[in-house]
mmCIF file of all heavy atoms, coordinates in Angstrom:
data_MODEL
# 
_entry.id   MODEL 
# 
loop_
_atom_site.group_PDB 
_atom_site.id 
_atom_site.type_symbol 
_atom_site.label_atom_id 
_atom_site.label_alt_id 
_atom_site.label_comp_id 
_atom_site.label_asym_id 
_atom_site.label_entity_id 
_atom_site.label_seq_id 
_atom_site.pdbx_PDB_ins_code 
_atom_site.Cartn_x 
_atom_site.Cartn_y 
_atom_site.Cartn_z 
_atom_site.occupancy 
_atom_site.B_iso_or_equiv 
_atom_site.pdbx_formal_charge 
_atom_site.auth_seq_id 
_atom_site.auth_comp_id 
_atom_site.auth_asym_id 
_atom_site.auth_atom_id 
_atom_site.pdbx_PDB_model_num 
ATOM 1   N N   . GLY A 1 1  ? -13.019 16.766  2.370   1.00 0.00 ? 1  GLY A N   1 
ATOM 2   C CA  . GLY A 1 1  ? -12.964 16.670  0.921   1.00 0.00 ? 1  GLY A CA  1 
ATOM 3   C C   . GLY A 1 1  ? -11.623 16.073  0.494   1.00 0.00 ? 1  GLY A C   1 
ATOM 4   O O   . GLY A 1 1  ? -10.627 16.216  1.183   1.00 0.00 ? 1  GLY A O   1 
ATOM 5   N N   . VAL A 1 2  ? -11.596 15.332  -0.630  1.00 0.00 ? 2  VAL A N   1 
ATOM 6   C CA  . VAL A 1 2  ? -10.344 14.734  -1.080  1.00 0.00 ? 2  VAL A CA  1 
ATOM 7   C C   . VAL A 1 2  ? -10.020 15.185  -2.502  1.00 0.00 ? 2  VAL A C   1 
ATOM 8   O O   . VAL A 1 2  ? -10.878 15.339  -3.354  1.00 0.00 ? 2  VAL A O   1 
ATOM 9   C CB  . VAL A 1 2  ? -10.403 13.175  -1.045  1.00 0.00 ? 2  VAL A CB  1 
ATOM 10  C CG1 . VAL A 1 2  ? -10.432 12.663  0.386   1.00 0.00 ? 2  VAL A CG1 1 
ATOM 11  C CG2 . VAL A 1 2  ? -11.599 12.650  -1.816  1.00 0.00 ? 2  VAL A CG2 1 
ATOM 12  N N   . LYS A 1 3  ? -8.707  15.402  -2.721  1.00 0.00 ? 3  LYS A N   1 
ATOM 13  C CA  . LYS A 1 3  ? -8.187  15.664  -4.056  1.00 0.00 ? 3  LYS A CA  1 
ATOM 14  C C   . LYS A 1 3  ? -6.969  14.786  -4.286  1.00 0.00 ? 3  LYS A C   1 
ATOM 15  O O   . LYS A 1 3  ? -6.286  14.382  -3.331  1.00 0.00 ? 3  LYS A O   1 
ATOM 16  C CB  . LYS A 1 3  ? -7.823  17.141  -4.232  1.00 0.00 ? 3  LYS A CB  1 
ATOM 17  C CG  . LYS A 1 3  ? -9.019  18.047  -4.421  1.00 0.00 ? 3  LYS A CG  1 
ATOM 18  C CD  . LYS A 1 3  ? -8.632  19.462  -4.816  1.00 0.00 ? 3  LYS A CD  1 
ATOM 19  C CE  . LYS A 1 3  ? -9.866  20.299  -5.093  1.00 0.00 ? 3  LYS A CE  1 
ATOM 20  N NZ  . LYS A 1 3  ? -9.522  21.699  -5.379  1.00 0.00 ? 3  LYS A NZ  1 
ATOM 21  N N   . THR A 1 4  ? -6.704  14.485  -5.578  1.00 0.00 ? 4  THR A N   1 
ATOM 22  C CA  . THR A 1 4  ? -5.584  13.626  -5.915  1.00 0.00 ? 4  THR A CA  1 
ATOM 23  C C   . THR A 1 4  ? -4.326  14.468  -6.092  1.00 0.00 ? 4  THR A C   1 
ATOM 24  O O   . THR A 1 4  ? -4.280  15.341  -6.953  1.00 0.00 ? 4  THR A O   1 
ATOM 25  C CB  . THR A 1 4  ? -5.865  12.881  -7.240  1.00 0.00 ? 4  THR A CB  1 
ATOM 26  O OG1 . THR A 1 4  ? -7.215  12.457  -7.240  1.00 0.00 ? 4  THR A OG1 1 
ATOM 27  C CG2 . THR A 1 4  ? -4.952  11.712  -7.420  1.00 0.00 ? 4  THR A CG2 1 
ATOM 28  N N   . LEU A 1 5  ? -3.304  14.176  -5.278  1.00 0.00 ? 5  LEU A N   1 
ATOM 29  C CA  . LEU A 1 5  ? -2.011  14.844  -5.484  1.00 0.00 ? 5  LEU A CA  1 
ATOM 30  C C   . LEU A 1 5  ? -1.255  14.203  -6.610  1.00 0.00 ? 5  LEU A C   1 
ATOM 31  O O   . LEU A 1 5  ? -0.614  14.877  -7.413  1.00 0.00 ? 5  LEU A O   1 
ATOM 32  C CB  . LEU A 1 5  ? -1.177  14.739  -4.191  1.00 0.00 ? 5  LEU A CB  1 
ATOM 33  C CG  . LEU A 1 5  ? -1.655  15.552  -2.989  1.00 0.00 ? 5  LEU A CG  1 
ATOM 34  C CD1 . LEU A 1 5  ? -0.885  15.151  -1.747  1.00 0.00 ? 5  LEU A CD1 1 
ATOM 35  C CD2 . LEU A 1 5  ? -1.497  17.043  -3.263  1.00 0.00 ? 5  LEU A CD2 1 
ATOM 36  N N   . GLU A 1 6  ? -1.255  12.865  -6.665  1.00 0.00 ? 6  GLU A N   1 
ATOM 37  C CA  . GLU A 1 6  ? -0.522  12.136  -7.690  1.00 0.00 ? 6  GLU A CA  1 
ATOM 38  C C   . GLU A 1 6  ? -0.977  10.677  -7.703  1.00 0.00 ? 6  GLU A C   1 
ATOM 39  O O   . GLU A 1 6  ? -1.627  10.218  -6.768  1.00 0.00 ? 6  GLU A O   1 
ATOM 40  C CB  . GLU A 1 6  ? 0.991   12.168  -7.368  1.00 0.00 ? 6  GLU A CB  1 
ATOM 41  C CG  . GLU A 1 6  ? 1.315   11.468  -6.051  1.00 0.00 ? 6  GLU A CG  1 
ATOM 42  C CD  . GLU A 1 6  ? 2.809   11.371  -5.760  1.00 0.00 ? 6  GLU A CD  1 
ATOM 43  O OE1 . GLU A 1 6  ? 3.605   11.785  -6.607  1.00 0.00 ? 6  GLU A OE1 1 
ATOM 44  O OE2 . GLU A 1 6  ? 3.142   10.867  -4.680  1.00 0.00 ? 6  GLU A OE2 1 
ATOM 45  N N   . PHE A 1 7  ? -0.653  10.011  -8.768  1.00 0.00 ? 7  PHE A N   1 
ATOM 46  C CA  . PHE A 1 7  ? -0.814  8.546   -8.850  1.00 0.00 ? 7  PHE A CA  1 
ATOM 47  C C   . PHE A 1 7  ? 0.567   7.909   -8.918  1.00 0.00 ? 7  PHE A C   1 
ATOM 48  O O   . PHE A 1 7  ? 1.453   8.414   -9.614  1.00 0.00 ? 7  PHE A O   1 
ATOM 49  C CB  . PHE A 1 7  ? -1.587  8.134   -10.103 1.00 0.00 ? 7  PHE A CB  1 
ATOM 50  C CG  . PHE A 1 7  ? -3.072  8.404   -10.042 1.00 0.00 ? 7  PHE A CG  1 
ATOM 51  C CD1 . PHE A 1 7  ? -3.680  9.262   -10.948 1.00 0.00 ? 7  PHE A CD1 1 
ATOM 52  C CD2 . PHE A 1 7  ? -3.850  7.790   -9.082  1.00 0.00 ? 7  PHE A CD2 1 
ATOM 53  C CE1 . PHE A 1 7  ? -5.045  9.495   -10.894 1.00 0.00 ? 7  PHE A CE1 1 
ATOM 54  C CE2 . PHE A 1 7  ? -5.216  8.016   -9.028  1.00 0.00 ? 7  PHE A CE2 1 
ATOM 55  C CZ  . PHE A 1 7  ? -5.813  8.880   -9.925  1.00 0.00 ? 7  PHE A CZ  1 
ATOM 56  N N   . ASN A 1 8  ? 0.722   6.810   -8.232  1.00 0.00 ? 8  ASN A N   1 
ATOM 57  C CA  . ASN A 1 8  ? 1.859   5.922   -8.427  1.00 0.00 ? 8  ASN A CA  1 
ATOM 58  C C   . ASN A 1 8  ? 1.334   4.582   -8.880  1.00 0.00 ? 8  ASN A C   1 
ATOM 59  O O   . ASN A 1 8  ? 0.309   4.127   -8.366  1.00 0.00 ? 8  ASN A O   1 
ATOM 60  C CB  . ASN A 1 8  ? 2.691   5.769   -7.153  1.00 0.00 ? 8  ASN A CB  1 
ATOM 61  C CG  . ASN A 1 8  ? 3.423   7.038   -6.775  1.00 0.00 ? 8  ASN A CG  1 
ATOM 62  O OD1 . ASN A 1 8  ? 3.795   7.832   -7.636  1.00 0.00 ? 8  ASN A OD1 1 
ATOM 63  N ND2 . ASN A 1 8  ? 3.599   7.266   -5.494  1.00 0.00 ? 8  ASN A ND2 1 
ATOM 64  N N   . CYS A 1 9  ? 2.031   3.916   -9.775  1.00 0.00 ? 9  CYS A N   1 
ATOM 65  C CA  . CYS A 1 9  ? 1.569   2.663   -10.339 1.00 0.00 ? 9  CYS A CA  1 
ATOM 66  C C   . CYS A 1 9  ? 2.218   1.471   -9.601  1.00 0.00 ? 9  CYS A C   1 
ATOM 67  O O   . CYS A 1 9  ? 2.633   0.491   -10.217 1.00 0.00 ? 9  CYS A O   1 
ATOM 68  C CB  . CYS A 1 9  ? 1.890   2.617   -11.816 1.00 0.00 ? 9  CYS A CB  1 
ATOM 69  S SG  . CYS A 1 9  ? 0.956   3.880   -12.697 1.00 0.00 ? 9  CYS A SG  1 
ATOM 70  N N   . ARG A 1 10 ? 2.287   1.596   -8.302  1.00 0.00 ? 10 ARG A N   1 
ATOM 71  C CA  . ARG A 1 10 ? 2.999   0.618   -7.474  1.00 0.00 ? 10 ARG A CA  1 
ATOM 72  C C   . ARG A 1 10 ? 2.569   0.891   -6.043  1.00 0.00 ? 10 ARG A C   1 
ATOM 73  O O   . ARG A 1 10 ? 1.943   1.896   -5.757  1.00 0.00 ? 10 ARG A O   1 
ATOM 74  C CB  . ARG A 1 10 ? 4.501   0.813   -7.626  1.00 0.00 ? 10 ARG A CB  1 
ATOM 75  C CG  . ARG A 1 10 ? 4.887   2.280   -7.316  1.00 0.00 ? 10 ARG A CG  1 
ATOM 76  C CD  . ARG A 1 10 ? 6.256   2.690   -7.759  1.00 0.00 ? 10 ARG A CD  1 
ATOM 77  N NE  . ARG A 1 10 ? 6.351   4.131   -7.801  1.00 0.00 ? 10 ARG A NE  1 
ATOM 78  C CZ  . ARG A 1 10 ? 6.768   4.906   -6.802  1.00 0.00 ? 10 ARG A CZ  1 
ATOM 79  N NH1 . ARG A 1 10 ? 7.119   4.362   -5.656  1.00 0.00 ? 10 ARG A NH1 1 
ATOM 80  N NH2 . ARG A 1 10 ? 6.815   6.198   -6.929  1.00 0.00 ? 10 ARG A NH2 1 
ATOM 81  N N   . MET A 1 11 ? 2.951   0.042   -5.130  1.00 0.00 ? 11 MET A N   1 
ATOM 82  C CA  . MET A 1 11 ? 2.750   0.349   -3.737  1.00 0.00 ? 11 MET A CA  1 
ATOM 83  C C   . MET A 1 11 ? 3.798   1.367   -3.300  1.00 0.00 ? 11 MET A C   1 
ATOM 84  O O   . MET A 1 11 ? 4.905   1.392   -3.853  1.00 0.00 ? 11 MET A O   1 
ATOM 85  C CB  . MET A 1 11 ? 2.868   -0.907  -2.868  1.00 0.00 ? 11 MET A CB  1 
ATOM 86  C CG  . MET A 1 11 ? 1.594   -1.748  -2.907  1.00 0.00 ? 11 MET A CG  1 
ATOM 87  S SD  . MET A 1 11 ? 1.624   -3.123  -1.769  1.00 0.00 ? 11 MET A SD  1 
ATOM 88  C CE  . MET A 1 11 ? 1.297   -2.325  -0.200  1.00 0.00 ? 11 MET A CE  1 
ATOM 89  N N   . GLY A 1 12 ? 3.470   2.181   -2.318  1.00 0.00 ? 12 GLY A N   1 
ATOM 90  C CA  . GLY A 1 12 ? 4.416   3.183   -1.845  1.00 0.00 ? 12 GLY A CA  1 
ATOM 91  C C   . GLY A 1 12 ? 5.521   2.548   -1.017  1.00 0.00 ? 12 GLY A C   1 
ATOM 92  O O   . GLY A 1 12 ? 5.347   1.485   -0.442  1.00 0.00 ? 12 GLY A O   1 
ATOM 93  N N   . ASP A 1 13 ? 6.663   3.242   -0.972  1.00 0.00 ? 13 ASP A N   1 
ATOM 94  C CA  . ASP A 1 13 ? 7.765   2.822   -0.131  1.00 0.00 ? 13 ASP A CA  1 
ATOM 95  C C   . ASP A 1 13 ? 8.167   4.059   0.653   1.00 0.00 ? 13 ASP A C   1 
ATOM 96  O O   . ASP A 1 13 ? 8.546   5.055   0.045   1.00 0.00 ? 13 ASP A O   1 
ATOM 97  C CB  . ASP A 1 13 ? 8.925   2.330   -1.013  1.00 0.00 ? 13 ASP A CB  1 
ATOM 98  C CG  . ASP A 1 13 ? 10.053  1.702   -0.235  1.00 0.00 ? 13 ASP A CG  1 
ATOM 99  O OD1 . ASP A 1 13 ? 10.100  1.880   0.992   1.00 0.00 ? 13 ASP A OD1 1 
ATOM 100 O OD2 . ASP A 1 13 ? 10.907  1.041   -0.861  1.00 0.00 ? 13 ASP A OD2 1 
ATOM 101 N N   . PRO A 1 14 ? 7.967   4.114   1.976   1.00 0.00 ? 14 PRO A N   1 
ATOM 102 C CA  . PRO A 1 14 ? 7.959   2.982   2.911   1.00 0.00 ? 14 PRO A CA  1 
ATOM 103 C C   . PRO A 1 14 ? 6.591   2.514   3.412   1.00 0.00 ? 14 PRO A C   1 
ATOM 104 O O   . PRO A 1 14 ? 6.529   1.746   4.390   1.00 0.00 ? 14 PRO A O   1 
ATOM 105 C CB  . PRO A 1 14 ? 8.733   3.561   4.104   1.00 0.00 ? 14 PRO A CB  1 
ATOM 106 C CG  . PRO A 1 14 ? 8.312   4.999   4.129   1.00 0.00 ? 14 PRO A CG  1 
ATOM 107 C CD  . PRO A 1 14 ? 8.171   5.386   2.684   1.00 0.00 ? 14 PRO A CD  1 
ATOM 108 N N   . GLU A 1 15 ? 5.475   2.900   2.763   1.00 0.00 ? 15 GLU A N   1 
ATOM 109 C CA  . GLU A 1 15 ? 4.171   2.459   3.296   1.00 0.00 ? 15 GLU A CA  1 
ATOM 110 C C   . GLU A 1 15 ? 3.970   0.962   3.209   1.00 0.00 ? 15 GLU A C   1 
ATOM 111 O O   . GLU A 1 15 ? 3.272   0.374   4.039   1.00 0.00 ? 15 GLU A O   1 
ATOM 112 C CB  . GLU A 1 15 ? 3.040   3.160   2.498   1.00 0.00 ? 15 GLU A CB  1 
ATOM 113 C CG  . GLU A 1 15 ? 3.009   4.663   2.657   1.00 0.00 ? 15 GLU A CG  1 
ATOM 114 C CD  . GLU A 1 15 ? 3.669   5.363   1.474   1.00 0.00 ? 15 GLU A CD  1 
ATOM 115 O OE1 . GLU A 1 15 ? 4.652   4.811   0.921   1.00 0.00 ? 15 GLU A OE1 1 
ATOM 116 O OE2 . GLU A 1 15 ? 3.178   6.427   1.091   1.00 0.00 ? 15 GLU A OE2 1 
ATOM 117 N N   . THR A 1 16 ? 4.566   0.314   2.174   1.00 0.00 ? 16 THR A N   1 
ATOM 118 C CA  . THR A 1 16 ? 4.389   -1.110  1.993   1.00 0.00 ? 16 THR A CA  1 
ATOM 119 C C   . THR A 1 16 ? 4.802   -1.910  3.224   1.00 0.00 ? 16 THR A C   1 
ATOM 120 O O   . THR A 1 16 ? 4.120   -2.896  3.587   1.00 0.00 ? 16 THR A O   1 
ATOM 121 C CB  . THR A 1 16 ? 5.228   -1.589  0.781   1.00 0.00 ? 16 THR A CB  1 
ATOM 122 O OG1 . THR A 1 16 ? 4.812   -0.899  -0.365  1.00 0.00 ? 16 THR A OG1 1 
ATOM 123 C CG2 . THR A 1 16 ? 5.100   -3.095  0.555   1.00 0.00 ? 16 THR A CG2 1 
ATOM 124 N N   . GLN A 1 17 ? 5.908   -1.501  3.859   1.00 0.00 ? 17 GLN A N   1 
ATOM 125 C CA  . GLN A 1 17 ? 6.433   -2.291  4.954   1.00 0.00 ? 17 GLN A CA  1 
ATOM 126 C C   . GLN A 1 17 ? 5.432   -2.370  6.122   1.00 0.00 ? 17 GLN A C   1 
ATOM 127 O O   . GLN A 1 17 ? 5.126   -3.475  6.580   1.00 0.00 ? 17 GLN A O   1 
ATOM 128 C CB  . GLN A 1 17 ? 7.799   -1.721  5.412   1.00 0.00 ? 17 GLN A CB  1 
ATOM 129 C CG  . GLN A 1 17 ? 8.905   -1.874  4.359   1.00 0.00 ? 17 GLN A CG  1 
ATOM 130 C CD  . GLN A 1 17 ? 9.001   -0.761  3.351   1.00 0.00 ? 17 GLN A CD  1 
ATOM 131 O OE1 . GLN A 1 17 ? 7.978   -0.327  2.802   1.00 0.00 ? 17 GLN A OE1 1 
ATOM 132 N NE2 . GLN A 1 17 ? 10.216  -0.242  3.101   1.00 0.00 ? 17 GLN A NE2 1 
ATOM 133 N N   . PRO A 1 18 ? 4.864   -1.250  6.610   1.00 0.00 ? 18 PRO A N   1 
ATOM 134 C CA  . PRO A 1 18 ? 3.844   -1.353  7.655   1.00 0.00 ? 18 PRO A CA  1 
ATOM 135 C C   . PRO A 1 18 ? 2.570   -2.054  7.184   1.00 0.00 ? 18 PRO A C   1 
ATOM 136 O O   . PRO A 1 18 ? 1.971   -2.819  7.943   1.00 0.00 ? 18 PRO A O   1 
ATOM 137 C CB  . PRO A 1 18 ? 3.547   0.108   8.028   1.00 0.00 ? 18 PRO A CB  1 
ATOM 138 C CG  . PRO A 1 18 ? 4.733   0.881   7.597   1.00 0.00 ? 18 PRO A CG  1 
ATOM 139 C CD  . PRO A 1 18 ? 5.291   0.150   6.413   1.00 0.00 ? 18 PRO A CD  1 
ATOM 140 N N   . ILE A 1 19 ? 2.163   -1.817  5.930   1.00 0.00 ? 19 ILE A N   1 
ATOM 141 C CA  . ILE A 1 19 ? 0.917   -2.433  5.434   1.00 0.00 ? 19 ILE A CA  1 
ATOM 142 C C   . ILE A 1 19 ? 1.052   -3.955  5.418   1.00 0.00 ? 19 ILE A C   1 
ATOM 143 O O   . ILE A 1 19 ? 0.184   -4.677  5.886   1.00 0.00 ? 19 ILE A O   1 
ATOM 144 C CB  . ILE A 1 19 ? 0.550   -1.905  4.037   1.00 0.00 ? 19 ILE A CB  1 
ATOM 145 C CG1 . ILE A 1 19 ? 0.012   -0.447  4.147   1.00 0.00 ? 19 ILE A CG1 1 
ATOM 146 C CG2 . ILE A 1 19 ? -0.493  -2.781  3.370   1.00 0.00 ? 19 ILE A CG2 1 
ATOM 147 C CD1 . ILE A 1 19 ? -0.211  0.229   2.801   1.00 0.00 ? 19 ILE A CD1 1 
ATOM 148 N N   . LEU A 1 20 ? 2.188   -4.466  4.899   1.00 0.00 ? 20 LEU A N   1 
ATOM 149 C CA  . LEU A 1 20 ? 2.353   -5.917  4.827   1.00 0.00 ? 20 LEU A CA  1 
ATOM 150 C C   . LEU A 1 20 ? 2.640   -6.538  6.182   1.00 0.00 ? 20 LEU A C   1 
ATOM 151 O O   . LEU A 1 20 ? 2.320   -7.715  6.390   1.00 0.00 ? 20 LEU A O   1 
ATOM 152 C CB  . LEU A 1 20 ? 3.420   -6.284  3.792   1.00 0.00 ? 20 LEU A CB  1 
ATOM 153 C CG  . LEU A 1 20 ? 3.055   -6.028  2.332   1.00 0.00 ? 20 LEU A CG  1 
ATOM 154 C CD1 . LEU A 1 20 ? 4.118   -6.570  1.397   1.00 0.00 ? 20 LEU A CD1 1 
ATOM 155 C CD2 . LEU A 1 20 ? 1.705   -6.642  1.990   1.00 0.00 ? 20 LEU A CD2 1 
ATOM 156 N N   . MET A 1 21 ? 3.178   -5.779  7.123   1.00 0.00 ? 21 MET A N   1 
ATOM 157 C CA  . MET A 1 21 ? 3.312   -6.297  8.522   1.00 0.00 ? 21 MET A CA  1 
ATOM 158 C C   . MET A 1 21 ? 1.920   -6.557  9.090   1.00 0.00 ? 21 MET A C   1 
ATOM 159 O O   . MET A 1 21 ? 1.760   -7.456  9.927   1.00 0.00 ? 21 MET A O   1 
ATOM 160 C CB  . MET A 1 21 ? 4.024   -5.259  9.378   1.00 0.00 ? 21 MET A CB  1 
ATOM 161 C CG  . MET A 1 21 ? 5.520   -5.212  9.247   1.00 0.00 ? 21 MET A CG  1 
ATOM 162 S SD  . MET A 1 21 ? 6.475   -6.378  10.231  1.00 0.00 ? 21 MET A SD  1 
ATOM 163 C CE  . MET A 1 21 ? 6.192   -5.957  11.931  1.00 0.00 ? 21 MET A CE  1 
ATOM 164 N N   . ARG A 1 22 ? 0.913   -5.793  8.657   1.00 0.00 ? 22 ARG A N   1 
ATOM 165 C CA  . ARG A 1 22 ? -0.453  -5.932  9.187   1.00 0.00 ? 22 ARG A CA  1 
ATOM 166 C C   . ARG A 1 22 ? -1.299  -6.951  8.415   1.00 0.00 ? 22 ARG A C   1 
ATOM 167 O O   . ARG A 1 22 ? -2.322  -7.378  8.914   1.00 0.00 ? 22 ARG A O   1 
ATOM 168 C CB  . ARG A 1 22 ? -1.172  -4.590  9.190   1.00 0.00 ? 22 ARG A CB  1 
ATOM 169 C CG  . ARG A 1 22 ? -0.620  -3.565  10.166  1.00 0.00 ? 22 ARG A CG  1 
ATOM 170 C CD  . ARG A 1 22 ? -1.499  -2.312  10.219  1.00 0.00 ? 22 ARG A CD  1 
ATOM 171 N NE  . ARG A 1 22 ? -2.844  -2.652  10.602  1.00 0.00 ? 22 ARG A NE  1 
ATOM 172 C CZ  . ARG A 1 22 ? -3.952  -2.183  9.991   1.00 0.00 ? 22 ARG A CZ  1 
ATOM 173 N NH1 . ARG A 1 22 ? -3.854  -1.381  8.944   1.00 0.00 ? 22 ARG A NH1 1 
ATOM 174 N NH2 . ARG A 1 22 ? -5.143  -2.557  10.399  1.00 0.00 ? 22 ARG A NH2 1 
ATOM 175 N N   . LEU A 1 23 ? -0.883  -7.308  7.193   1.00 0.00 ? 23 LEU A N   1 
ATOM 176 C CA  . LEU A 1 23 ? -1.683  -8.208  6.385   1.00 0.00 ? 23 LEU A CA  1 
ATOM 177 C C   . LEU A 1 23 ? -1.580  -9.640  6.926   1.00 0.00 ? 23 LEU A C   1 
ATOM 178 O O   . LEU A 1 23 ? -0.501  -10.230 6.974   1.00 0.00 ? 23 LEU A O   1 
ATOM 179 C CB  . LEU A 1 23 ? -1.232  -8.168  4.913   1.00 0.00 ? 23 LEU A CB  1 
ATOM 180 C CG  . LEU A 1 23 ? -1.997  -9.065  3.953   1.00 0.00 ? 23 LEU A CG  1 
ATOM 181 C CD1 . LEU A 1 23 ? -3.478  -8.642  3.835   1.00 0.00 ? 23 LEU A CD1 1 
ATOM 182 C CD2 . LEU A 1 23 ? -1.358  -9.090  2.591   1.00 0.00 ? 23 LEU A CD2 1 
ATOM 183 N N   . LYS A 1 24 ? -2.723  -10.227 7.315   1.00 0.00 ? 24 LYS A N   1 
ATOM 184 C CA  . LYS A 1 24 ? -2.734  -11.598 7.820   1.00 0.00 ? 24 LYS A CA  1 
ATOM 185 C C   . LYS A 1 24 ? -3.120  -12.605 6.714   1.00 0.00 ? 24 LYS A C   1 
ATOM 186 O O   . LYS A 1 24 ? -2.842  -13.776 6.815   1.00 0.00 ? 24 LYS A O   1 
ATOM 187 C CB  . LYS A 1 24 ? -3.690  -11.705 9.011   1.00 0.00 ? 24 LYS A CB  1 
ATOM 188 C CG  . LYS A 1 24 ? -3.211  -10.905 10.234  1.00 0.00 ? 24 LYS A CG  1 
ATOM 189 C CD  . LYS A 1 24 ? -4.259  -10.785 11.296  1.00 0.00 ? 24 LYS A CD  1 
ATOM 190 C CE  . LYS A 1 24 ? -4.282  -11.984 12.233  1.00 0.00 ? 24 LYS A CE  1 
ATOM 191 N NZ  . LYS A 1 24 ? -5.157  -11.760 13.376  1.00 0.00 ? 24 LYS A NZ  1 
ATOM 192 N N   . SER A 1 25 ? -3.759  -12.105 5.661   1.00 0.00 ? 25 SER A N   1 
ATOM 193 C CA  . SER A 1 25 ? -4.146  -12.978 4.531   1.00 0.00 ? 25 SER A CA  1 
ATOM 194 C C   . SER A 1 25 ? -2.877  -13.462 3.819   1.00 0.00 ? 25 SER A C   1 
ATOM 195 O O   . SER A 1 25 ? -1.814  -12.846 3.889   1.00 0.00 ? 25 SER A O   1 
ATOM 196 C CB  . SER A 1 25 ? -4.995  -12.211 3.535   1.00 0.00 ? 25 SER A CB  1 
ATOM 197 O OG  . SER A 1 25 ? -6.138  -11.680 4.163   1.00 0.00 ? 25 SER A OG  1 
ATOM 198 N N   . ASP A 1 26 ? -3.015  -14.569 3.079   1.00 0.00 ? 26 ASP A N   1 
ATOM 199 C CA  . ASP A 1 26 ? -1.942  -15.119 2.289   1.00 0.00 ? 26 ASP A CA  1 
ATOM 200 C C   . ASP A 1 26 ? -1.736  -14.222 1.068   1.00 0.00 ? 26 ASP A C   1 
ATOM 201 O O   . ASP A 1 26 ? -2.580  -14.157 0.168   1.00 0.00 ? 26 ASP A O   1 
ATOM 202 C CB  . ASP A 1 26 ? -2.290  -16.550 1.870   1.00 0.00 ? 26 ASP A CB  1 
ATOM 203 C CG  . ASP A 1 26 ? -1.142  -17.267 1.177   1.00 0.00 ? 26 ASP A CG  1 
ATOM 204 O OD1 . ASP A 1 26 ? -0.457  -16.658 0.338   1.00 0.00 ? 26 ASP A OD1 1 
ATOM 205 O OD2 . ASP A 1 26 ? -0.929  -18.481 1.469   1.00 0.00 ? 26 ASP A OD2 1 
ATOM 206 N N   . PHE A 1 27 ? -0.597  -13.546 0.995   1.00 0.00 ? 27 PHE A N   1 
ATOM 207 C CA  . PHE A 1 27 ? -0.316  -12.566 -0.071  1.00 0.00 ? 27 PHE A CA  1 
ATOM 208 C C   . PHE A 1 27 ? -0.266  -13.263 -1.443  1.00 0.00 ? 27 PHE A C   1 
ATOM 209 O O   . PHE A 1 27 ? -0.713  -12.708 -2.437  1.00 0.00 ? 27 PHE A O   1 
ATOM 210 C CB  . PHE A 1 27 ? 0.995   -11.863 0.232   1.00 0.00 ? 27 PHE A CB  1 
ATOM 211 C CG  . PHE A 1 27 ? 1.270   -10.616 -0.604  1.00 0.00 ? 27 PHE A CG  1 
ATOM 212 C CD1 . PHE A 1 27 ? 0.265   -9.719  -0.936  1.00 0.00 ? 27 PHE A CD1 1 
ATOM 213 C CD2 . PHE A 1 27 ? 2.569   -10.350 -1.010  1.00 0.00 ? 27 PHE A CD2 1 
ATOM 214 C CE1 . PHE A 1 27 ? 0.530   -8.587  -1.708  1.00 0.00 ? 27 PHE A CE1 1 
ATOM 215 C CE2 . PHE A 1 27 ? 2.856   -9.206  -1.762  1.00 0.00 ? 27 PHE A CE2 1 
ATOM 216 C CZ  . PHE A 1 27 ? 1.849   -8.328  -2.097  1.00 0.00 ? 27 PHE A CZ  1 
ATOM 217 N N   . LEU A 1 28 ? 0.263   -14.473 -1.480  1.00 0.00 ? 28 LEU A N   1 
ATOM 218 C CA  . LEU A 1 28 ? 0.332   -15.225 -2.742  1.00 0.00 ? 28 LEU A CA  1 
ATOM 219 C C   . LEU A 1 28 ? -1.064  -15.447 -3.295  1.00 0.00 ? 28 LEU A C   1 
ATOM 220 O O   . LEU A 1 28 ? -1.334  -15.230 -4.472  1.00 0.00 ? 28 LEU A O   1 
ATOM 221 C CB  . LEU A 1 28 ? 1.051   -16.542 -2.551  1.00 0.00 ? 28 LEU A CB  1 
ATOM 222 C CG  . LEU A 1 28 ? 1.067   -17.435 -3.809  1.00 0.00 ? 28 LEU A CG  1 
ATOM 223 C CD1 . LEU A 1 28 ? 2.021   -16.875 -4.850  1.00 0.00 ? 28 LEU A CD1 1 
ATOM 224 C CD2 . LEU A 1 28 ? 1.417   -18.866 -3.467  1.00 0.00 ? 28 LEU A CD2 1 
ATOM 225 N N   . GLU A 1 29 ? -1.999  -15.904 -2.437  1.00 0.00 ? 29 GLU A N   1 
ATOM 226 C CA  . GLU A 1 29 ? -3.369  -16.192 -2.881  1.00 0.00 ? 29 GLU A CA  1 
ATOM 227 C C   . GLU A 1 29 ? -4.058  -14.927 -3.429  1.00 0.00 ? 29 GLU A C   1 
ATOM 228 O O   . GLU A 1 29 ? -4.797  -14.993 -4.398  1.00 0.00 ? 29 GLU A O   1 
ATOM 229 C CB  . GLU A 1 29 ? -4.194  -16.806 -1.737  1.00 0.00 ? 29 GLU A CB  1 
ATOM 230 C CG  . GLU A 1 29 ? -3.650  -18.123 -1.207  1.00 0.00 ? 29 GLU A CG  1 
ATOM 231 C CD  . GLU A 1 29 ? -3.604  -19.239 -2.262  1.00 0.00 ? 29 GLU A CD  1 
ATOM 232 O OE1 . GLU A 1 29 ? -4.343  -19.153 -3.274  1.00 0.00 ? 29 GLU A OE1 1 
ATOM 233 O OE2 . GLU A 1 29 ? -2.830  -20.180 -2.069  1.00 0.00 ? 29 GLU A OE2 1 
# 
């Protein structure tokens, strides 16, 4: 089951760094 702890109106830090290391698509596009 899932519940919401909080919302952030942005990408998380430090989660962004590993996520974008894995993104192969063109981020600009």
